[in-house]
Amino acid sequence: MNQLFNLFSPLPLLRAFRNSLSGLAQAVKSERAFQQDIVLVIIGGVAAFLLTDVSIERALLIGSLAIVLIVELLNSAIEAVVDRIGPEINPLSKRAKDLGSAAVLLSLVTAAVIWVIILV
């Protein structure tokens, strides 16, 4: 019974939420690409409401931009881990960073395609 109570205890959820907010705050403060993506999401969110009055279209437009933010956070996490391992040049480190960057690029291209399909 005690294990069941611990499973639904709000304290671990609150700690996890606090950690998530801390990570988000760090990204906003220190990650230039994430800051640029935030601007893109704000402008895009306003544009989505101005350019269409269909809720599902707005959700797709804004959701595609949110995915860019998510991928950018994952890319920043990969870069932080690689940098933590060491500053020396290593082909695997370059590969990890390049793959993370490619994921960001694909998320941006996907968002652009969604915007073109919906708005054109």
PDB file of N, CA and C in Angstrom:
ATOM      1  N   MET A   1       0.816  -1.191   0.000  1.00  0.00           N
ATOM      2  CA  MET A   1       0.000   0.000   0.000  1.00  0.00           C
ATOM      3  C   MET A   1       0.863   1.259   0.000  1.00  0.00           C
ATOM      4  N   ASN A   2       1.955   1.225   0.765  1.00  0.00           N
ATOM      5  CA  ASN A   2       2.848   2.365   0.835  1.00  0.00           C
ATOM      6  C   ASN A   2       3.481   2.652  -0.529  1.00  0.00           C
ATOM      7  N   GLN A   3       3.819   1.585  -1.266  1.00  0.00           N
ATOM      8  CA  GLN A   3       4.392   1.766  -2.605  1.00  0.00           C
ATOM      9  C   GLN A   3       3.377   2.400  -3.543  1.00  0.00           C
ATOM     10  N   LEU A   4       2.121   2.037  -3.389  1.00  0.00           N
ATOM     11  CA  LEU A   4       1.069   2.618  -4.211  1.00  0.00           C
ATOM     12  C   LEU A   4       0.932   4.109  -3.919  1.00  0.00           C
ATOM     13  N   PHE A   5       1.009   4.473  -2.636  1.00  0.00           N
ATOM     14  CA  PHE A   5       0.943   5.881  -2.271  1.00  0.00           C
ATOM     15  C   PHE A   5       2.118   6.641  -2.875  1.00  0.00           C
ATOM     16  N   ASN A   6       3.324   6.058  -2.799  1.00  0.00           N
ATOM     17  CA  ASN A   6       4.516   6.700  -3.356  1.00  0.00           C
ATOM     18  C   ASN A   6       4.396   6.877  -4.872  1.00  0.00           C
ATOM     19  N   LEU A   7       3.717   5.948  -5.521  1.00  0.00           N
ATOM     20  CA  LEU A   7       3.532   6.033  -6.971  1.00  0.00           C
ATOM     21  C   LEU A   7       2.740   7.272  -7.354  1.00  0.00           C
ATOM     22  N   PHE A   8       1.784   7.651  -6.519  1.00  0.00           N
ATOM     23  CA  PHE A   8       0.914   8.790  -6.826  1.00  0.00           C
ATOM     24  C   PHE A   8       1.245  10.021  -5.980  1.00  0.00           C
ATOM     25  N   SER A   9       2.369  10.007  -5.305  1.00  0.00           N
ATOM     26  CA  SER A   9       2.779  11.140  -4.497  1.00  0.00           C
ATOM     27  C   SER A   9       3.088  12.331  -5.396  1.00  0.00           C
ATOM     28  N   PRO A  10       2.632  13.508  -5.036  1.00  0.00           N
ATOM     29  CA  PRO A  10       2.879  14.681  -5.881  1.00  0.00           C
ATOM     30  C   PRO A  10       4.312  15.209  -5.801  1.00  0.00           C
ATOM     31  N   LEU A  11       5.069  14.844  -4.768  1.00  0.00           N
ATOM     32  CA  LEU A  11       6.413  15.397  -4.608  1.00  0.00           C
ATOM     33  C   LEU A  11       7.350  15.060  -5.767  1.00  0.00           C
ATOM     34  N   PRO A  12       7.445  13.801  -6.209  1.00  0.00           N
ATOM     35  CA  PRO A  12       8.317  13.525  -7.361  1.00  0.00           C
ATOM     36  C   PRO A  12       7.855  14.257  -8.621  1.00  0.00           C
ATOM     37  N   LEU A  13       6.551  14.388  -8.791  1.00  0.00           N
ATOM     38  CA  LEU A  13       6.037  15.118  -9.950  1.00  0.00           C
ATOM     39  C   LEU A  13       6.418  16.589  -9.878  1.00  0.00           C
ATOM     40  N   LEU A  14       6.332  17.153  -8.684  1.00  0.00           N
ATOM     41  CA  LEU A  14       6.706  18.556  -8.513  1.00  0.00           C
ATOM     42  C   LEU A  14       8.201  18.763  -8.763  1.00  0.00           C
ATOM     43  N   ARG A  15       9.023  17.831  -8.282  1.00  0.00           N
ATOM     44  CA  ARG A  15      10.467  17.920  -8.526  1.00  0.00           C
ATOM     45  C   ARG A  15      10.779  17.819 -10.016  1.00  0.00           C
ATOM     46  N   ALA A  16      10.127  16.892 -10.687  1.00  0.00           N
ATOM     47  CA  ALA A  16      10.344  16.730 -12.128  1.00  0.00           C
ATOM     48  C   ALA A  16       9.905  17.986 -12.878  1.00  0.00           C
ATOM     49  N   PHE A  17       8.788  18.558 -12.476  1.00  0.00           N
ATOM     50  CA  PHE A  17       8.301  19.782 -13.105  1.00  0.00           C
ATOM     51  C   PHE A  17       9.288  20.926 -12.879  1.00  0.00           C
ATOM     52  N   ARG A  18       9.807  21.028 -11.661  1.00  0.00           N
ATOM     53  CA  ARG A  18      10.795  22.067 -11.343  1.00  0.00           C
ATOM     54  C   ARG A  18      12.064  21.882 -12.183  1.00  0.00           C
ATOM     55  N   ASN A  19      12.507  20.638 -12.338  1.00  0.00           N
ATOM     56  CA  ASN A  19      13.687  20.369 -13.172  1.00  0.00           C
ATOM     57  C   ASN A  19      13.429  20.749 -14.624  1.00  0.00           C
ATOM     58  N   SER A  20      12.237  20.458 -15.108  1.00  0.00           N
ATOM     59  CA  SER A  20      11.882  20.809 -16.483  1.00  0.00           C
ATOM     60  C   SER A  20      11.888  22.319 -16.678  1.00  0.00           C
ATOM     61  N   LEU A  21      11.322  23.040 -15.722  1.00  0.00           N
ATOM     62  CA  LEU A  21      11.325  24.501 -15.811  1.00  0.00           C
ATOM     63  C   LEU A  21      12.738  25.062 -15.742  1.00  0.00           C
ATOM     64  N   SER A  22      13.578  24.440 -14.936  1.00  0.00           N
ATOM     65  CA  SER A  22      14.973  24.866 -14.838  1.00  0.00           C
ATOM     66  C   SER A  22      15.685  24.687 -16.182  1.00  0.00           C
ATOM     67  N   GLY A  23      15.464  23.553 -16.825  1.00  0.00           N
ATOM     68  CA  GLY A  23      16.063  23.313 -18.137  1.00  0.00           C
ATOM     69  C   GLY A  23      15.567  24.299 -19.167  1.00  0.00           C
ATOM     70  N   LEU A  24      14.279  24.591 -19.131  1.00  0.00           N
ATOM     71  CA  LEU A  24      13.703  25.564 -20.057  1.00  0.00           C
ATOM     72  C   LEU A  24      14.296  26.947 -19.822  1.00  0.00           C
ATOM     73  N   ALA A  25      14.437  27.339 -18.565  1.00  0.00           N
ATOM     74  CA  ALA A  25      15.021  28.641 -18.233  1.00  0.00           C
ATOM     75  C   ALA A  25      16.477  28.715 -18.695  1.00  0.00           C
ATOM     76  N   GLN A  26      17.231  27.633 -18.521  1.00  0.00           N
ATOM     77  CA  GLN A  26      18.621  27.614 -18.978  1.00  0.00           C
ATOM     78  C   GLN A  26      18.703  27.771 -20.492  1.00  0.00           C
ATOM     79  N   ALA A  27      17.800  27.126 -21.202  1.00  0.00           N
ATOM     80  CA  ALA A  27      17.792  27.238 -22.656  1.00  0.00           C
ATOM     81  C   ALA A  27      17.472  28.664 -23.092  1.00  0.00           C
ATOM     82  N   VAL A  28      16.500  29.272 -22.434  1.00  0.00           N
ATOM     83  CA  VAL A  28      16.116  30.641 -22.793  1.00  0.00           C
ATOM     84  C   VAL A  28      17.270  31.600 -22.508  1.00  0.00           C
ATOM     85  N   LYS A  29      17.983  31.392 -21.406  1.00  0.00           N
ATOM     86  CA  LYS A  29      19.075  32.294 -21.012  1.00  0.00           C
ATOM     87  C   LYS A  29      20.335  32.113 -21.839  1.00  0.00           C
ATOM     88  N   SER A  30      20.669  30.870 -22.189  1.00  0.00           N
ATOM     89  CA  SER A  30      22.015  30.632 -22.709  1.00  0.00           C
ATOM     90  C   SER A  30      22.104  30.035 -24.103  1.00  0.00           C
ATOM     91  N   GLU A  31      21.018  29.569 -24.670  1.00  0.00           N
ATOM     92  CA  GLU A  31      21.084  28.927 -25.983  1.00  0.00           C
ATOM     93  C   GLU A  31      20.576  29.878 -27.063  1.00  0.00           C
ATOM     94  N   ARG A  32      21.508  30.420 -27.844  1.00  0.00           N
ATOM     95  CA  ARG A  32      21.165  31.412 -28.858  1.00  0.00           C
ATOM     96  C   ARG A  32      20.165  30.856 -29.880  1.00  0.00           C
ATOM     97  N   ALA A  33      20.371  29.657 -30.338  1.00  0.00           N
ATOM     98  CA  ALA A  33      19.461  29.075 -31.327  1.00  0.00           C
ATOM     99  C   ALA A  33      18.058  28.923 -30.743  1.00  0.00           C
ATOM    100  N   PHE A  34      17.965  28.548 -29.474  1.00  0.00           N
ATOM    101  CA  PHE A  34      16.664  28.404 -28.832  1.00  0.00           C
ATOM    102  C   PHE A  34      15.982  29.768 -28.716  1.00  0.00           C
ATOM    103  N   GLN A  35      16.749  30.795 -28.401  1.00  0.00           N
ATOM    104  CA  GLN A  35      16.198  32.151 -28.332  1.00  0.00           C
ATOM    105  C   GLN A  35      15.626  32.568 -29.690  1.00  0.00           C
ATOM    106  N   GLN A  36      16.353  32.258 -30.748  1.00  0.00           N
ATOM    107  CA  GLN A  36      15.870  32.583 -32.092  1.00  0.00           C
ATOM    108  C   GLN A  36      14.592  31.799 -32.408  1.00  0.00           C
ATOM    109  N   ASP A  37      14.560  30.555 -32.000  1.00  0.00           N
ATOM    110  CA  ASP A  37      13.367  29.734 -32.236  1.00  0.00           C
ATOM    111  C   ASP A  37      12.164  30.246 -31.445  1.00  0.00           C
ATOM    112  N   ILE A  38      12.399  30.767 -30.245  1.00  0.00           N
ATOM    113  CA  ILE A  38      11.316  31.357 -29.448  1.00  0.00           C
ATOM    114  C   ILE A  38      10.703  32.539 -30.204  1.00  0.00           C
ATOM    115  N   VAL A  39      11.562  33.375 -30.781  1.00  0.00           N
ATOM    116  CA  VAL A  39      11.073  34.508 -31.577  1.00  0.00           C
ATOM    117  C   VAL A  39      10.246  33.990 -32.751  1.00  0.00           C
ATOM    118  N   LEU A  40      10.744  32.954 -33.407  1.00  0.00           N
ATOM    119  CA  LEU A  40      10.016  32.351 -34.525  1.00  0.00           C
ATOM    120  C   LEU A  40       8.640  31.848 -34.081  1.00  0.00           C
ATOM    121  N   VAL A  41       8.575  31.216 -32.932  1.00  0.00           N
ATOM    122  CA  VAL A  41       7.304  30.682 -32.428  1.00  0.00           C
ATOM    123  C   VAL A  41       6.340  31.816 -32.076  1.00  0.00           C
ATOM    124  N   ILE A  42       6.845  32.869 -31.478  1.00  0.00           N
ATOM    125  CA  ILE A  42       5.977  33.998 -31.130  1.00  0.00           C
ATOM    126  C   ILE A  42       5.413  34.648 -32.393  1.00  0.00           C
ATOM    127  N   ILE A  43       6.281  34.942 -33.349  1.00  0.00           N
ATOM    128  CA  ILE A  43       5.828  35.543 -34.609  1.00  0.00           C
ATOM    129  C   ILE A  43       4.898  34.583 -35.347  1.00  0.00           C
ATOM    130  N   GLY A  44       5.288  33.315 -35.393  1.00  0.00           N
ATOM    131  CA  GLY A  44       4.465  32.310 -36.067  1.00  0.00           C
ATOM    132  C   GLY A  44       3.123  32.108 -35.392  1.00  0.00           C
ATOM    133  N   GLY A  45       3.094  32.146 -34.069  1.00  0.00           N
ATOM    134  CA  GLY A  45       1.832  31.996 -33.351  1.00  0.00           C
ATOM    135  C   GLY A  45       0.865  33.125 -33.661  1.00  0.00           C
ATOM    136  N   VAL A  46       1.388  34.331 -33.676  1.00  0.00           N
ATOM    137  CA  VAL A  46       0.548  35.478 -34.040  1.00  0.00           C
ATOM    138  C   VAL A  46       0.087  35.338 -35.486  1.00  0.00           C
ATOM    139  N   ALA A  47       1.015  34.984 -36.368  1.00  0.00           N
ATOM    140  CA  ALA A  47       0.670  34.827 -37.788  1.00  0.00           C
ATOM    141  C   ALA A  47      -0.387  33.742 -37.988  1.00  0.00           C
ATOM    142  N   ALA A  48      -0.283  32.655 -37.237  1.00  0.00           N
ATOM    143  CA  ALA A  48      -1.252  31.560 -37.370  1.00  0.00           C
ATOM    144  C   ALA A  48      -2.665  32.051 -37.065  1.00  0.00           C
ATOM    145  N   PHE A  49      -2.801  32.912 -36.065  1.00  0.00           N
ATOM    146  CA  PHE A  49      -4.128  33.435 -35.724  1.00  0.00           C
ATOM    147  C   PHE A  49      -4.615  34.473 -36.730  1.00  0.00           C
ATOM    148  N   LEU A  50      -3.671  35.166 -37.361  1.00  0.00           N
ATOM    149  CA  LEU A  50      -4.070  36.178 -38.345  1.00  0.00           C
ATOM    150  C   LEU A  50      -4.359  35.581 -39.721  1.00  0.00           C
ATOM    151  N   LEU A  51      -3.680  34.490 -40.055  1.00  0.00           N
ATOM    152  CA  LEU A  51      -3.757  33.955 -41.413  1.00  0.00           C
ATOM    153  C   LEU A  51      -4.835  32.894 -41.621  1.00  0.00           C
ATOM    154  N   THR A  52      -5.340  32.323 -40.552  1.00  0.00           N
ATOM    155  CA  THR A  52      -6.392  31.312 -40.703  1.00  0.00           C
ATOM    156  C   THR A  52      -7.349  31.386 -39.528  1.00  0.00           C
ATOM    157  N   ASP A  53      -8.583  31.029 -39.796  1.00  0.00           N
ATOM    158  CA  ASP A  53      -9.563  31.015 -38.710  1.00  0.00           C
ATOM    159  C   ASP A  53     -10.049  29.595 -38.408  1.00  0.00           C
ATOM    160  N   VAL A  54      -9.362  28.614 -38.969  1.00  0.00           N
ATOM    161  CA  VAL A  54      -9.690  27.212 -38.739  1.00  0.00           C
ATOM    162  C   VAL A  54      -8.795  26.687 -37.610  1.00  0.00           C
ATOM    163  N   SER A  55      -9.412  26.194 -36.558  1.00  0.00           N
ATOM    164  CA  SER A  55      -8.661  25.781 -35.363  1.00  0.00           C
ATOM    165  C   SER A  55      -7.631  24.702 -35.647  1.00  0.00           C
ATOM    166  N   ILE A  56      -7.993  23.711 -36.444  1.00  0.00           N
ATOM    167  CA  ILE A  56      -7.049  22.616 -36.721  1.00  0.00           C
ATOM    168  C   ILE A  56      -5.842  23.119 -37.497  1.00  0.00           C
ATOM    169  N   GLU A  57      -6.051  24.064 -38.391  1.00  0.00           N
ATOM    170  CA  GLU A  57      -4.930  24.642 -39.136  1.00  0.00           C
ATOM    171  C   GLU A  57      -4.010  25.416 -38.195  1.00  0.00           C
ATOM    172  N   ARG A  58      -4.610  26.184 -37.302  1.00  0.00           N
ATOM    173  CA  ARG A  58      -3.799  26.915 -36.311  1.00  0.00           C
ATOM    174  C   ARG A  58      -2.987  25.949 -35.460  1.00  0.00           C
ATOM    175  N   ALA A  59      -3.640  24.876 -35.033  1.00  0.00           N
ATOM    176  CA  ALA A  59      -2.950  23.883 -34.198  1.00  0.00           C
ATOM    177  C   ALA A  59      -1.767  23.264 -34.953  1.00  0.00           C
ATOM    178  N   LEU A  60      -1.962  22.952 -36.225  1.00  0.00           N
ATOM    179  CA  LEU A  60      -0.871  22.378 -37.020  1.00  0.00           C
ATOM    180  C   LEU A  60       0.255  23.383 -37.228  1.00  0.00           C
ATOM    181  N   LEU A  61      -0.092  24.626 -37.497  1.00  0.00           N
ATOM    182  CA  LEU A  61       0.933  25.644 -37.711  1.00  0.00           C
ATOM    183  C   LEU A  61       1.749  25.880 -36.444  1.00  0.00           C
ATOM    184  N   ILE A  62       1.075  26.070 -35.332  1.00  0.00           N
ATOM    185  CA  ILE A  62       1.769  26.319 -34.068  1.00  0.00           C
ATOM    186  C   ILE A  62       2.470  25.056 -33.574  1.00  0.00           C
ATOM    187  N   GLY A  63       1.837  23.904 -33.746  1.00  0.00           N
ATOM    188  CA  GLY A  63       2.443  22.636 -33.333  1.00  0.00           C
ATOM    189  C   GLY A  63       3.723  22.336 -34.084  1.00  0.00           C
ATOM    190  N   SER A  64       3.743  22.667 -35.376  1.00  0.00           N
ATOM    191  CA  SER A  64       4.970  22.422 -36.151  1.00  0.00           C
ATOM    192  C   SER A  64       6.114  23.279 -35.632  1.00  0.00           C
ATOM    193  N   LEU A  65       5.810  24.481 -35.165  1.00  0.00           N
ATOM    194  CA  LEU A  65       6.850  25.337 -34.590  1.00  0.00           C
ATOM    195  C   LEU A  65       7.270  24.844 -33.209  1.00  0.00           C
ATOM    196  N   ALA A  66       6.321  24.314 -32.455  1.00  0.00           N
ATOM    197  CA  ALA A  66       6.654  23.759 -31.138  1.00  0.00           C
ATOM    198  C   ALA A  66       7.601  22.571 -31.280  1.00  0.00           C
ATOM    199  N   ILE A  67       7.417  21.792 -32.324  1.00  0.00           N
ATOM    200  CA  ILE A  67       8.313  20.656 -32.563  1.00  0.00           C
ATOM    201  C   ILE A  67       9.741  21.135 -32.814  1.00  0.00           C
ATOM    202  N   VAL A  68       9.879  22.271 -33.491  1.00  0.00           N
ATOM    203  CA  VAL A  68      11.213  22.850 -33.701  1.00  0.00           C
ATOM    204  C   VAL A  68      11.858  23.159 -32.348  1.00  0.00           C
ATOM    205  N   LEU A  69      11.095  23.735 -31.433  1.00  0.00           N
ATOM    206  CA  LEU A  69      11.626  24.028 -30.096  1.00  0.00           C
ATOM    207  C   LEU A  69      12.063  22.755 -29.376  1.00  0.00           C
ATOM    208  N   ILE A  70      11.245  21.728 -29.468  1.00  0.00           N
ATOM    209  CA  ILE A  70      11.554  20.459 -28.803  1.00  0.00           C
ATOM    210  C   ILE A  70      12.843  19.857 -29.359  1.00  0.00           C
ATOM    211  N   VAL A  71      12.959  19.843 -30.672  1.00  0.00           N
ATOM    212  CA  VAL A  71      14.159  19.272 -31.297  1.00  0.00           C
ATOM    213  C   VAL A  71      15.385  20.115 -30.950  1.00  0.00           C
ATOM    214  N   GLU A  72      15.211  21.431 -30.885  1.00  0.00           N
ATOM    215  CA  GLU A  72      16.327  22.314 -30.512  1.00  0.00           C
ATOM    216  C   GLU A  72      16.789  22.029 -29.086  1.00  0.00           C
ATOM    217  N   LEU A  73      15.854  21.775 -28.178  1.00  0.00           N
ATOM    218  CA  LEU A  73      16.229  21.416 -26.807  1.00  0.00           C
ATOM    219  C   LEU A  73      17.012  20.105 -26.775  1.00  0.00           C
ATOM    220  N   LEU A  74      16.562  19.125 -27.535  1.00  0.00           N
ATOM    221  CA  LEU A  74      17.275  17.843 -27.585  1.00  0.00           C
ATOM    222  C   LEU A  74      18.669  18.017 -28.181  1.00  0.00           C
ATOM    223  N   ASN A  75      18.773  18.837 -29.215  1.00  0.00           N
ATOM    224  CA  ASN A  75      20.075  19.106 -29.822  1.00  0.00           C
ATOM    225  C   ASN A  75      21.003  19.788 -28.816  1.00  0.00           C
ATOM    226  N   SER A  76      20.478  20.739 -28.061  1.00  0.00           N
ATOM    227  CA  SER A  76      21.295  21.421 -27.052  1.00  0.00           C
ATOM    228  C   SER A  76      21.756  20.441 -25.971  1.00  0.00           C
ATOM    229  N   ALA A  77      20.894  19.510 -25.606  1.00  0.00           N
ATOM    230  CA  ALA A  77      21.274  18.500 -24.613  1.00  0.00           C
ATOM    231  C   ALA A  77      22.397  17.609 -25.145  1.00  0.00           C
ATOM    232  N   ILE A  78      22.285  17.209 -26.405  1.00  0.00           N
ATOM    233  CA  ILE A  78      23.344  16.394 -27.023  1.00  0.00           C
ATOM    234  C   ILE A  78      24.653  17.154 -27.024  1.00  0.00           C
ATOM    235  N   GLU A  79      24.605  18.427 -27.418  1.00  0.00           N
ATOM    236  CA  GLU A  79      25.821  19.232 -27.464  1.00  0.00           C
ATOM    237  C   GLU A  79      26.434  19.389 -26.080  1.00  0.00           C
ATOM    238  N   ALA A  80      25.599  19.574 -25.055  1.00  0.00           N
ATOM    239  CA  ALA A  80      26.111  19.716 -23.688  1.00  0.00           C
ATOM    240  C   ALA A  80      26.816  18.448 -23.230  1.00  0.00           C
ATOM    241  N   VAL A  81      26.238  17.303 -23.539  1.00  0.00           N
ATOM    242  CA  VAL A  81      26.854  16.037 -23.143  1.00  0.00           C
ATOM    243  C   VAL A  81      28.177  15.831 -23.875  1.00  0.00           C
ATOM    244  N   VAL A  82      28.199  16.119 -25.157  1.00  0.00           N
ATOM    245  CA  VAL A  82      29.437  15.964 -25.930  1.00  0.00           C
ATOM    246  C   VAL A  82      30.508  16.908 -25.390  1.00  0.00           C
ATOM    247  N   ASP A  83      30.137  18.147 -25.091  1.00  0.00           N
ATOM    248  CA  ASP A  83      31.098  19.105 -24.552  1.00  0.00           C
ATOM    249  C   ASP A  83      31.586  18.681 -23.170  1.00  0.00           C
ATOM    250  N   ARG A  84      30.723  18.034 -22.411  1.00  0.00           N
ATOM    251  CA  ARG A  84      31.098  17.556 -21.075  1.00  0.00           C
ATOM    252  C   ARG A  84      32.152  16.455 -21.150  1.00  0.00           C
ATOM    253  N   ILE A  85      32.072  15.644 -22.193  1.00  0.00           N
ATOM    254  CA  ILE A  85      33.013  14.535 -22.342  1.00  0.00           C
ATOM    255  C   ILE A  85      34.429  15.054 -22.523  1.00  0.00           C
ATOM    256  N   GLY A  86      34.596  16.129 -23.271  1.00  0.00           N
ATOM    257  CA  GLY A  86      35.921  16.698 -23.440  1.00  0.00           C
ATOM    258  C   GLY A  86      36.000  17.617 -24.643  1.00  0.00           C
ATOM    259  N   PRO A  87      36.964  18.542 -24.615  1.00  0.00           N
ATOM    260  CA  PRO A  87      37.083  19.537 -25.680  1.00  0.00           C
ATOM    261  C   PRO A  87      37.856  19.052 -26.910  1.00  0.00           C
ATOM    262  N   GLU A  88      38.501  17.904 -26.801  1.00  0.00           N
ATOM    263  CA  GLU A  88      39.319  17.439 -27.925  1.00  0.00           C
ATOM    264  C   GLU A  88      38.436  17.072 -29.126  1.00  0.00           C
ATOM    265  N   ILE A  89      39.018  17.221 -30.301  1.00  0.00           N
ATOM    266  CA  ILE A  89      38.324  16.874 -31.538  1.00  0.00           C
ATOM    267  C   ILE A  89      38.206  15.356 -31.618  1.00  0.00           C
ATOM    268  N   ASN A  90      36.978  14.893 -31.872  1.00  0.00           N
ATOM    269  CA  ASN A  90      36.739  13.467 -31.985  1.00  0.00           C
ATOM    270  C   ASN A  90      35.674  13.254 -33.054  1.00  0.00           C
ATOM    271  N   PRO A  91      35.893  12.298 -33.960  1.00  0.00           N
ATOM    272  CA  PRO A  91      34.915  12.071 -35.021  1.00  0.00           C
ATOM    273  C   PRO A  91      33.520  11.714 -34.504  1.00  0.00           C
ATOM    274  N   LEU A  92      33.438  10.980 -33.399  1.00  0.00           N
ATOM    275  CA  LEU A  92      32.131  10.626 -32.861  1.00  0.00           C
ATOM    276  C   LEU A  92      31.427  11.842 -32.253  1.00  0.00           C
ATOM    277  N   SER A  93      32.192  12.730 -31.639  1.00  0.00           N
ATOM    278  CA  SER A  93      31.609  13.959 -31.106  1.00  0.00           C
ATOM    279  C   SER A  93      31.065  14.812 -32.240  1.00  0.00           C
ATOM    280  N   LYS A  94      31.843  14.937 -33.306  1.00  0.00           N
ATOM    281  CA  LYS A  94      31.382  15.706 -34.466  1.00  0.00           C
ATOM    282  C   LYS A  94      30.129  15.074 -35.058  1.00  0.00           C
ATOM    283  N   ARG A  95      30.133  13.767 -35.142  1.00  0.00           N
ATOM    284  CA  ARG A  95      28.970  13.066 -35.693  1.00  0.00           C
ATOM    285  C   ARG A  95      27.715  13.322 -34.851  1.00  0.00           C
ATOM    286  N   ALA A  96      27.847  13.242 -33.523  1.00  0.00           N
ATOM    287  CA  ALA A  96      26.709  13.467 -32.639  1.00  0.00           C
ATOM    288  C   ALA A  96      26.166  14.885 -32.808  1.00  0.00           C
ATOM    289  N   LYS A  97      27.069  15.856 -32.848  1.00  0.00           N
ATOM    290  CA  LYS A  97      26.632  17.241 -33.007  1.00  0.00           C
ATOM    291  C   LYS A  97      26.018  17.480 -34.384  1.00  0.00           C
ATOM    292  N   ASP A  98      26.603  16.904 -35.411  1.00  0.00           N
ATOM    293  CA  ASP A  98      26.067  17.066 -36.767  1.00  0.00           C
ATOM    294  C   ASP A  98      24.687  16.416 -36.904  1.00  0.00           C
ATOM    295  N   LEU A  99      24.512  15.256 -36.289  1.00  0.00           N
ATOM    296  CA  LEU A  99      23.208  14.590 -36.345  1.00  0.00           C
ATOM    297  C   LEU A  99      22.144  15.400 -35.603  1.00  0.00           C
ATOM    298  N   GLY A 100      22.503  15.955 -34.469  1.00  0.00           N
ATOM    299  CA  GLY A 100      21.577  16.811 -33.747  1.00  0.00           C
ATOM    300  C   GLY A 100      21.201  18.033 -34.561  1.00  0.00           C
ATOM    301  N   SER A 101      22.181  18.627 -35.203  1.00  0.00           N
ATOM    302  CA  SER A 101      21.927  19.788 -36.058  1.00  0.00           C
ATOM    303  C   SER A 101      21.053  19.409 -37.250  1.00  0.00           C
ATOM    304  N   ALA A 102      21.278  18.244 -37.804  1.00  0.00           N
ATOM    305  CA  ALA A 102      20.454  17.768 -38.927  1.00  0.00           C
ATOM    306  C   ALA A 102      19.001  17.582 -38.484  1.00  0.00           C
ATOM    307  N   ALA A 103      18.800  17.107 -37.258  1.00  0.00           N
ATOM    308  CA  ALA A 103      17.436  16.942 -36.739  1.00  0.00           C
ATOM    309  C   ALA A 103      16.737  18.294 -36.640  1.00  0.00           C
ATOM    310  N   VAL A 104      17.464  19.321 -36.195  1.00  0.00           N
ATOM    311  CA  VAL A 104      16.886  20.663 -36.127  1.00  0.00           C
ATOM    312  C   VAL A 104      16.523  21.143 -37.530  1.00  0.00           C
ATOM    313  N   LEU A 105      17.436  20.931 -38.469  1.00  0.00           N
ATOM    314  CA  LEU A 105      17.168  21.343 -39.852  1.00  0.00           C
ATOM    315  C   LEU A 105      15.921  20.651 -40.397  1.00  0.00           C
ATOM    316  N   LEU A 106      15.810  19.355 -40.186  1.00  0.00           N
ATOM    317  CA  LEU A 106      14.631  18.626 -40.670  1.00  0.00           C
ATOM    318  C   LEU A 106      13.343  19.114 -40.005  1.00  0.00           C
ATOM    319  N   SER A 107      13.411  19.450 -38.733  1.00  0.00           N
ATOM    320  CA  SER A 107      12.210  19.964 -38.075  1.00  0.00           C
ATOM    321  C   SER A 107      11.814  21.322 -38.653  1.00  0.00           C
ATOM    322  N   LEU A 108      12.800  22.152 -38.985  1.00  0.00           N
ATOM    323  CA  LEU A 108      12.508  23.447 -39.607  1.00  0.00           C
ATOM    324  C   LEU A 108      11.920  23.282 -41.009  1.00  0.00           C
ATOM    325  N   VAL A 109      12.497  22.374 -41.781  1.00  0.00           N
ATOM    326  CA  VAL A 109      11.979  22.115 -43.130  1.00  0.00           C
ATOM    327  C   VAL A 109      10.556  21.560 -43.049  1.00  0.00           C
ATOM    328  N   THR A 110      10.321  20.646 -42.116  1.00  0.00           N
ATOM    329  CA  THR A 110       8.980  20.087 -41.936  1.00  0.00           C
ATOM    330  C   THR A 110       7.980  21.174 -41.564  1.00  0.00           C
ATOM    331  N   ALA A 111       8.364  22.051 -40.658  1.00  0.00           N
ATOM    332  CA  ALA A 111       7.479  23.154 -40.277  1.00  0.00           C
ATOM    333  C   ALA A 111       7.188  24.045 -41.483  1.00  0.00           C
ATOM    334  N   ALA A 112       8.218  24.352 -42.255  1.00  0.00           N
ATOM    335  CA  ALA A 112       8.023  25.200 -43.439  1.00  0.00           C
ATOM    336  C   ALA A 112       7.073  24.546 -44.435  1.00  0.00           C
ATOM    337  N   VAL A 113       7.235  23.245 -44.648  1.00  0.00           N
ATOM    338  CA  VAL A 113       6.361  22.518 -45.574  1.00  0.00           C
ATOM    339  C   VAL A 113       4.916  22.555 -45.066  1.00  0.00           C
ATOM    340  N   ILE A 114       4.714  22.344 -43.791  1.00  0.00           N
ATOM    341  CA  ILE A 114       3.369  22.405 -43.212  1.00  0.00           C
ATOM    342  C   ILE A 114       2.759  23.783 -43.427  1.00  0.00           C
ATOM    343  N   TRP A 115       3.533  24.819 -43.177  1.00  0.00           N
ATOM    344  CA  TRP A 115       3.032  26.181 -43.372  1.00  0.00           C
ATOM    345  C   TRP A 115       2.657  26.428 -44.830  1.00  0.00           C
ATOM    346  N   VAL A 116       3.503  25.969 -45.757  1.00  0.00           N
ATOM    347  CA  VAL A 116       3.210  26.162 -47.187  1.00  0.00           C
ATOM    348  C   VAL A 116       1.950  25.395 -47.584  1.00  0.00           C
ATOM    349  N   ILE A 117       1.837  24.159 -47.148  1.00  0.00           N
ATOM    350  CA  ILE A 117       0.666  23.340 -47.509  1.00  0.00           C
ATOM    351  C   ILE A 117      -0.616  23.996 -46.998  1.00  0.00           C
ATOM    352  N   ILE A 118      -0.598  24.487 -45.778  1.00  0.00           N
ATOM    353  CA  ILE A 118      -1.812  25.052 -45.189  1.00  0.00           C
ATOM    354  C   ILE A 118      -2.150  26.430 -45.768  1.00  0.00           C
ATOM    355  N   LEU A 119      -1.124  27.246 -45.984  1.00  0.00           N
ATOM    356  CA  LEU A 119      -1.395  28.632 -46.348  1.00  0.00           C
ATOM    357  C   LEU A 119      -1.397  28.922 -47.846  1.00  0.00           C
ATOM    358  N   VAL A 120      -0.886  28.005 -48.643  1.00  0.00           N
ATOM    359  CA  VAL A 120      -0.835  28.272 -50.088  1.00  0.00           C
ATOM    360  C   VAL A 120      -1.895  27.486 -50.819  1.00  0.00           C
TER     361      VAL A 120
END
